[in-house]
């Protein structure tokens, strides 16, 4: 008896993603449904999405990445959800493995992860902790959703088995240095704000100790030196990002104390 293939919704959240969106959507045309939730683009993101057959919705009340992914998933109507970012592409090998899952009998409480190959200023990185950089993206729609994190959101994994898929996601992580730095600053601010709201406190010196630790971990333990100049630069950026996270959290508490 032939097993009926399960259906799949590819789900994206977007804002001003016109530079990378077309390649992303080209790579998922095999999906039963593509859902894009826009948070207020003023470029042609939504027009490109519609050209590739996506069902476009809008949610302008930004409450963080986790919440936005939750809102986006509510529009998914298929049995499986595959969450993808607008600067990612599904390789043929990854597609074949996803199709194999869809063609197999459905298993409860399994989340499928895939390796992500990250592009950094002209090349893919294979060290610095940036490869295989496994991310959880495929799951049964009615079983799972994302947490509420403002940034670095993730799928709720309670009671789930994590199963690896073969094949990579291609991620255009950094094609422009200035834009990448601005994004890192935004992530650091969101991270600090989230910890501040939960009551976490750090000392002034922790910003330095954590950033030095981040550099050593990336460049030495994660063998960033094997990626040459790119590895050194990325290790410095990761240390800088870590410093920004902790010093921003420290400064939030300083401002709060002065106000009181």
Protein backbone atom coordinates (compact mmCIF):
# COMPACT_ATOMS: atom_id res chain seq x y z
CA UNK A 1 0.00 0.00 0.00
CA UNK A 2 1.42 3.38 -1.06
CA UNK A 3 1.66 6.03 1.66
CA UNK A 4 0.03 9.32 0.73
CA UNK A 5 2.56 12.15 0.62
CA UNK A 6 2.10 14.68 3.41
CA UNK A 7 1.68 18.34 2.48
CA UNK A 8 4.10 21.09 3.40
CA UNK A 9 3.90 24.84 3.98
CA UNK A 10 7.08 26.88 3.57
CA UNK A 11 6.77 29.85 5.94
CA UNK A 12 8.78 33.09 5.94
CA UNK A 13 8.80 36.36 7.84
CA UNK A 14 10.07 39.36 5.91
CA UNK A 15 10.79 43.07 5.84
CA UNK A 16 12.60 44.76 2.96
CA UNK A 17 13.97 41.44 1.71
CA UNK A 18 13.92 42.13 -2.02
CA UNK A 19 17.66 41.58 -2.49
CA UNK A 20 17.59 37.89 -1.56
CA UNK A 21 13.94 36.84 -1.69
CA UNK A 22 13.72 35.70 -5.33
CA UNK A 23 16.48 33.08 -4.98
CA UNK A 24 14.96 31.88 -1.73
CA UNK A 25 11.52 31.39 -3.27
CA UNK A 26 12.95 29.78 -6.40
CA UNK A 27 14.43 27.08 -4.18
CA UNK A 28 11.08 26.15 -2.58
CA UNK A 29 8.72 26.15 -5.56
CA UNK A 30 8.11 22.45 -4.93
CA UNK A 31 6.21 23.21 -1.70
CA UNK A 32 2.42 22.85 -1.57
CA UNK A 33 2.13 26.33 -0.11
CA UNK A 34 4.38 29.31 0.53
CA UNK A 35 3.33 31.75 3.25
CA UNK A 36 5.07 35.09 3.74
CA UNK A 37 4.28 37.40 6.65
CA UNK A 38 5.50 40.94 6.01
CA UNK A 39 6.17 43.41 8.82
CA UNK A 40 6.05 46.63 6.82
CA UNK A 41 8.31 46.49 3.77
CA UNK A 42 8.70 49.67 1.73
CA UNK A 43 10.52 47.94 -1.13
CA UNK A 44 9.05 45.36 -3.53
CA UNK A 45 9.29 42.38 -1.16
CA UNK A 46 5.58 41.61 -1.30
CA UNK A 47 5.43 41.98 -5.09
CA UNK A 48 8.28 39.48 -5.52
CA UNK A 49 6.59 37.10 -3.10
CA UNK A 50 3.34 37.16 -5.08
CA UNK A 51 5.23 36.63 -8.35
CA UNK A 52 6.48 33.33 -6.92
CA UNK A 53 3.06 32.24 -5.75
CA UNK A 54 3.37 33.08 -2.06
CA UNK A 55 0.34 33.87 0.04
CA UNK A 56 1.22 37.27 1.46
CA UNK A 57 -0.04 38.53 4.81
CA UNK A 58 0.96 41.49 6.97
CA UNK A 59 1.53 41.94 10.70
CA UNK A 60 2.94 45.36 11.58
CA UNK A 61 2.86 45.12 15.38
CA UNK A 62 6.42 43.81 15.76
CA UNK A 63 6.83 41.91 19.04
CA UNK A 64 10.09 40.13 18.25
CA UNK A 65 11.20 37.33 15.97
CA UNK A 66 9.64 34.53 18.00
CA UNK A 67 6.18 36.10 18.09
CA UNK A 68 6.35 37.04 14.41
CA UNK A 69 7.10 33.43 13.46
CA UNK A 70 4.15 32.32 15.57
CA UNK A 71 1.86 34.73 13.73
CA UNK A 72 3.23 33.54 10.38
CA UNK A 73 2.68 29.87 11.19
CA UNK A 74 -0.98 30.55 11.94
CA UNK A 75 -1.49 31.00 8.19
CA UNK A 76 0.05 27.61 7.34
CA UNK A 77 -2.58 25.10 6.23
CA UNK A 78 -0.43 22.04 5.46
CA UNK A 79 0.56 19.07 7.61
CA UNK A 80 4.22 20.08 7.85
CA UNK A 81 5.84 23.49 8.24
CA UNK A 82 9.29 24.31 6.94
CA UNK A 83 10.47 27.65 8.31
CA UNK A 84 13.03 29.45 6.15
CA UNK A 85 14.60 32.89 6.19
CA UNK A 86 14.44 35.18 3.19
CA UNK A 87 18.24 35.03 2.75
CA UNK A 88 18.38 31.22 2.65
CA UNK A 89 18.08 28.69 -0.18
CA UNK A 90 17.22 24.98 -0.10
CA UNK A 91 19.73 22.81 -1.96
CA UNK A 92 18.61 19.90 -4.15
CA UNK A 93 19.95 17.40 -1.62
CA UNK A 94 18.02 18.99 1.23
CA UNK A 95 14.87 19.11 -0.86
CA UNK A 96 15.20 15.39 -1.63
CA UNK A 97 15.49 14.60 2.07
CA UNK A 98 12.49 16.74 2.95
CA UNK A 99 10.50 15.00 0.22
CA UNK A 100 11.53 11.65 1.70
CA UNK A 101 10.08 12.70 5.08
CA UNK A 102 6.84 13.79 3.42
CA UNK A 103 6.57 10.47 1.58
CA UNK A 104 7.09 8.40 4.75
CA UNK A 105 4.49 7.59 7.42
CA UNK A 106 4.17 10.57 9.75
CA UNK A 107 5.98 10.19 13.05
CA UNK A 108 4.79 12.19 16.07
CA UNK A 109 7.00 14.61 17.97
CA UNK A 110 9.92 14.73 15.58
CA UNK A 111 11.65 17.96 14.60
CA UNK A 112 14.02 17.79 11.65
CA UNK A 113 17.22 19.81 11.55
CA UNK A 114 19.43 20.74 8.64
CA UNK A 115 22.96 22.06 8.28
CA UNK A 116 23.35 25.69 7.28
CA UNK A 117 26.26 26.83 5.11
CA UNK A 118 26.94 30.49 5.89
CA UNK A 119 28.27 33.00 3.34
CA UNK A 120 30.63 35.64 4.71
CA UNK A 121 32.10 38.36 2.48
CA UNK A 122 32.73 36.28 -0.62
CA UNK A 123 33.05 32.73 0.71
CA UNK A 124 31.29 30.02 2.70
CA UNK A 125 32.71 29.49 6.16
CA UNK A 126 33.54 25.98 7.39
CA UNK A 127 34.91 26.80 10.84
CA UNK A 128 34.31 29.43 13.57
CA UNK A 129 31.25 27.43 14.65
CA UNK A 130 29.51 28.48 11.42
CA UNK A 131 29.36 25.02 9.89
CA UNK A 132 27.46 22.76 10.03
CA UNK A 133 25.42 25.26 12.13
CA UNK A 134 22.44 22.93 12.42
CA UNK A 135 19.04 24.61 12.66
CA UNK A 136 15.63 23.05 13.39
CA UNK A 137 13.17 23.95 10.65
CA UNK A 138 10.84 21.08 9.67
CA UNK A 139 8.03 19.89 11.95
CA UNK A 140 4.37 18.93 12.02
CA UNK A 141 2.36 22.14 11.97
CA UNK A 142 -0.10 21.22 14.70
CA UNK A 143 2.59 19.98 17.10
CA UNK A 144 5.14 22.77 17.32
CA UNK A 145 5.69 26.49 17.15
CA UNK A 146 8.35 29.03 18.12
CA UNK A 147 9.04 30.51 21.54
CA UNK A 148 8.53 34.21 22.41
CA UNK A 149 12.18 35.30 22.20
CA UNK A 150 12.80 38.77 20.80
CA UNK A 151 15.88 37.44 19.01
CA UNK A 152 17.58 34.05 18.57
CA UNK A 153 14.15 32.45 18.65
CA UNK A 154 13.78 28.67 18.50
CA UNK A 155 11.17 25.93 18.21
CA UNK A 156 9.68 24.48 21.39
CA UNK A 157 11.40 21.09 21.66
CA UNK A 158 9.75 19.69 24.81
CA UNK A 159 9.10 15.98 24.32
CA UNK A 160 10.50 16.01 20.79
CA UNK A 161 13.14 13.94 19.05
CA UNK A 162 15.56 15.90 16.86
CA UNK A 163 16.36 14.09 13.61
CA UNK A 164 19.03 15.34 11.18
CA UNK A 165 18.37 15.79 7.47
CA UNK A 166 21.11 15.52 4.85
CA UNK A 167 21.69 18.51 2.61
CA UNK A 168 22.41 22.15 3.37
CA UNK A 169 20.60 25.42 3.61
CA UNK A 170 22.64 28.10 1.85
CA UNK A 171 22.60 31.24 4.00
CA UNK A 172 23.64 34.65 2.66
CA UNK A 173 24.69 35.74 6.13
CA UNK A 174 26.99 38.62 5.22
CA UNK A 175 27.30 40.07 1.74
CA UNK A 176 27.75 43.66 2.93
CA UNK A 177 29.89 44.45 5.96
CA UNK A 178 28.09 47.62 7.08
CA UNK A 179 24.64 46.01 6.90
CA UNK A 180 25.90 42.99 8.80
CA UNK A 181 27.34 45.19 11.54
CA UNK A 182 24.07 47.08 11.86
CA UNK A 183 22.17 43.82 12.18
CA UNK A 184 24.57 42.63 14.87
CA UNK A 185 23.97 45.84 16.84
CA UNK A 186 20.22 45.29 16.62
CA UNK A 187 20.55 41.69 17.80
CA UNK A 188 22.75 42.78 20.71
CA UNK A 189 20.23 45.43 21.74
CA UNK A 190 17.33 42.96 21.59
CA UNK A 191 19.30 40.36 23.56
CA UNK A 192 20.11 42.88 26.27
CA UNK A 193 16.56 44.20 26.45
CA UNK A 194 15.17 40.69 26.85
CA UNK A 195 17.60 39.89 29.69
CA UNK A 196 17.00 43.25 31.33
CA UNK A 197 13.26 42.62 31.39
CA UNK A 198 13.83 39.21 33.00
CA UNK A 199 15.97 40.77 35.74
CA UNK A 200 19.42 39.56 34.67
CA UNK A 201 22.32 41.74 35.85
CA UNK A 202 25.97 41.80 34.78
CA UNK A 203 29.04 43.65 35.99
CA UNK A 204 31.04 46.09 33.88
CA UNK A 205 34.01 43.71 33.62
CA UNK A 206 31.85 40.86 32.32
CA UNK A 207 31.58 42.58 28.94
CA UNK A 208 35.35 42.29 28.56
CA UNK A 209 35.71 38.76 29.92
CA UNK A 210 32.87 37.40 27.80
CA UNK A 211 34.14 39.08 24.63
CA UNK A 212 37.68 37.76 25.14
CA UNK A 213 36.25 34.30 25.80
CA UNK A 214 34.12 34.53 22.64
CA UNK A 215 37.17 35.40 20.53
CA UNK A 216 39.28 32.55 21.92
CA UNK A 217 36.43 30.07 21.53
CA UNK A 218 35.76 31.10 17.91
CA UNK A 219 39.33 31.51 16.69
CA UNK A 220 41.02 28.67 18.58
CA UNK A 221 38.53 26.07 19.83
CA UNK A 222 36.30 26.36 16.76
CA UNK A 223 39.37 26.60 14.50
CA UNK A 224 38.56 29.95 12.94
CA UNK A 225 42.26 30.27 12.08
CA UNK A 226 41.72 27.62 9.39
CA UNK A 227 39.51 30.12 7.53
CA UNK A 228 42.40 32.55 7.17
CA UNK A 229 41.70 36.28 7.17
CA UNK A 230 37.95 35.63 7.03
CA UNK A 231 38.19 33.51 10.17
CA UNK A 232 40.15 36.18 12.04
CA UNK A 233 37.71 38.91 11.03
CA UNK A 234 34.69 36.83 11.97
CA UNK A 235 36.22 35.95 15.34
CA UNK A 236 36.72 39.67 16.04
CA UNK A 237 33.13 40.44 14.98
CA UNK A 238 31.76 37.73 17.28
CA UNK A 239 33.83 39.14 20.16
CA UNK A 240 32.54 42.62 19.34
CA UNK A 241 28.95 41.37 19.26
CA UNK A 242 29.43 39.68 22.63
CA UNK A 243 30.87 42.87 24.11
CA UNK A 244 27.93 44.89 22.77
CA UNK A 245 25.42 42.46 24.33
CA UNK A 246 26.86 42.64 27.81
CA UNK A 247 27.77 46.32 27.88
CA UNK A 248 24.27 47.20 26.64
CA UNK A 249 22.72 45.10 29.40
CA UNK A 250 25.02 46.75 31.94
CA UNK A 251 24.11 50.21 30.63
CA UNK A 252 20.37 49.49 30.85
CA UNK A 253 20.71 48.79 34.55
CA UNK A 254 22.84 51.90 35.02
CA UNK A 255 20.18 54.03 33.37
CA UNK A 256 17.45 52.36 35.41
CA UNK A 257 19.34 52.98 38.67
CA UNK A 258 19.93 56.64 37.85
CA UNK A 259 16.26 57.19 37.09
CA UNK A 260 15.23 55.77 40.42
